[in-house]
Amino acid sequence: MEQDPKQKASFLYAVKAVIWAFFGLRRKRDFETDDAKLNPVYFIIAGVLGAALFIGLLLSIVKFVVLK
């Protein structure tokens, strides 16, 4: 059930795209459809949230290891 390429994607789609991009597991076809579907504001917000969660996870791991 593919969305119309002209239709804008939801915020959850942007979050999914950012998560896969963090892992480097995006197909070329996905990048092409993202260009047409993604709202740039959603993509920026999802990227900032993803980076903040990643940094928080790293800081938590470091604190756990240092305190042990």
C-alpha atoms as a PDB file:
ATOM      1  CA  MET A   1       0.000   0.000   0.000  1.00  0.00           C
ATOM      2  CA  GLU A   2       2.306   2.716  -1.326  1.00  0.00           C
ATOM      3  CA  GLN A   3       1.535   6.394  -0.683  1.00  0.00           C
ATOM      4  CA  ASP A   4       1.199   8.836  -3.558  1.00  0.00           C
ATOM      5  CA  PRO A   5       4.652  10.452  -4.022  1.00  0.00           C
ATOM      6  CA  LYS A   6       3.053  13.903  -4.052  1.00  0.00           C
ATOM      7  CA  GLN A   7       1.444  13.290  -0.645  1.00  0.00           C
ATOM      8  CA  LYS A   8       3.470  14.487   2.349  1.00  0.00           C
ATOM      9  CA  ALA A   9       4.675  11.859   4.792  1.00  0.00           C
ATOM     10  CA  SER A  10       3.837  11.811   8.483  1.00  0.00           C
ATOM     11  CA  PHE A  11       6.192  12.668  11.333  1.00  0.00           C
ATOM     12  CA  LEU A  12       6.557   8.954  12.140  1.00  0.00           C
ATOM     13  CA  TYR A  13       7.773   8.337   8.591  1.00  0.00           C
ATOM     14  CA  ALA A  14      10.419  11.019   9.133  1.00  0.00           C
ATOM     15  CA  VAL A  15      11.476   9.385  12.415  1.00  0.00           C
ATOM     16  CA  LYS A  16      11.782   6.023  10.653  1.00  0.00           C
ATOM     17  CA  ALA A  17      13.876   7.589   7.882  1.00  0.00           C
ATOM     18  CA  VAL A  18      16.203   9.226  10.416  1.00  0.00           C
ATOM     19  CA  ILE A  19      16.649   5.993  12.387  1.00  0.00           C
ATOM     20  CA  TRP A  20      17.565   4.039   9.260  1.00  0.00           C
ATOM     21  CA  ALA A  21      19.886   6.854   8.165  1.00  0.00           C
ATOM     22  CA  PHE A  22      21.697   6.723  11.532  1.00  0.00           C
ATOM     23  CA  PHE A  23      22.448   3.060  10.867  1.00  0.00           C
ATOM     24  CA  GLY A  24      23.361   3.748   7.234  1.00  0.00           C
ATOM     25  CA  LEU A  25      20.788   1.274   5.936  1.00  0.00           C
ATOM     26  CA  ARG A  26      18.858   3.353   3.417  1.00  0.00           C
ATOM     27  CA  ARG A  27      18.177   2.204  -0.131  1.00  0.00           C
ATOM     28  CA  LYS A  28      18.628   4.620  -3.011  1.00  0.00           C
ATOM     29  CA  ARG A  29      14.956   4.237  -3.872  1.00  0.00           C
ATOM     30  CA  ASP A  30      14.022   5.338  -0.332  1.00  0.00           C
ATOM     31  CA  PHE A  31      16.148   8.473  -0.645  1.00  0.00           C
ATOM     32  CA  GLU A  32      14.394   9.351  -3.896  1.00  0.00           C
ATOM     33  CA  THR A  33      10.915   8.945  -2.424  1.00  0.00           C
ATOM     34  CA  ASP A  34      11.921  10.832   0.738  1.00  0.00           C
ATOM     35  CA  ASP A  35      12.865  13.819  -1.373  1.00  0.00           C
ATOM     36  CA  ALA A  36       9.307  14.056  -2.674  1.00  0.00           C
ATOM     37  CA  LYS A  37       7.435  13.036   0.471  1.00  0.00           C
ATOM     38  CA  LEU A  38       9.287  14.317   3.525  1.00  0.00           C
ATOM     39  CA  ASN A  39       8.427  17.624   5.081  1.00  0.00           C
ATOM     40  CA  PRO A  40      11.808  19.260   5.810  1.00  0.00           C
ATOM     41  CA  VAL A  41      10.608  20.504   9.203  1.00  0.00           C
ATOM     42  CA  TYR A  42       9.674  16.959  10.274  1.00  0.00           C
ATOM     43  CA  PHE A  43      13.030  15.680   9.084  1.00  0.00           C
ATOM     44  CA  ILE A  44      14.963  18.349  11.030  1.00  0.00           C
ATOM     45  CA  ILE A  45      12.951  17.766  14.217  1.00  0.00           C
ATOM     46  CA  ALA A  46      13.348  13.988  13.953  1.00  0.00           C
ATOM     47  CA  GLY A  47      17.096  14.386  13.352  1.00  0.00           C
ATOM     48  CA  VAL A  48      17.576  16.641  16.377  1.00  0.00           C
ATOM     49  CA  LEU A  49      15.537  14.299  18.587  1.00  0.00           C
ATOM     50  CA  GLY A  50      17.458  11.282  17.306  1.00  0.00           C
ATOM     51  CA  ALA A  51      20.804  12.960  17.976  1.00  0.00           C
ATOM     52  CA  ALA A  52      19.693  13.999  21.477  1.00  0.00           C
ATOM     53  CA  LEU A  53      18.585  10.447  22.283  1.00  0.00           C
ATOM     54  CA  PHE A  54      21.852   9.043  20.950  1.00  0.00           C
ATOM     55  CA  ILE A  55      23.920  11.466  23.060  1.00  0.00           C
ATOM     56  CA  GLY A  56      21.771  10.693  26.106  1.00  0.00           C
ATOM     57  CA  LEU A  57      22.320   6.966  25.578  1.00  0.00           C
ATOM     58  CA  LEU A  58      26.087   7.435  25.280  1.00  0.00           C
ATOM     59  CA  LEU A  59      26.218   9.579  28.429  1.00  0.00           C
ATOM     60  CA  SER A  60      24.179   6.988  30.338  1.00  0.00           C
ATOM     61  CA  ILE A  61      26.509   4.191  29.274  1.00  0.00           C
ATOM     62  CA  VAL A  62      29.582   6.210  30.298  1.00  0.00           C
ATOM     63  CA  LYS A  63      28.082   7.059  33.702  1.00  0.00           C
ATOM     64  CA  PHE A  64      27.167   3.426  34.266  1.00  0.00           C
ATOM     65  CA  VAL A  65      30.659   2.211  33.387  1.00  0.00           C
ATOM     66  CA  VAL A  66      32.460   4.903  35.423  1.00  0.00           C
ATOM     67  CA  LEU A  67      30.326   4.338  38.531  1.00  0.00           C
ATOM     68  CA  LYS A  68      30.818   0.555  38.499  1.00  0.00           C
END
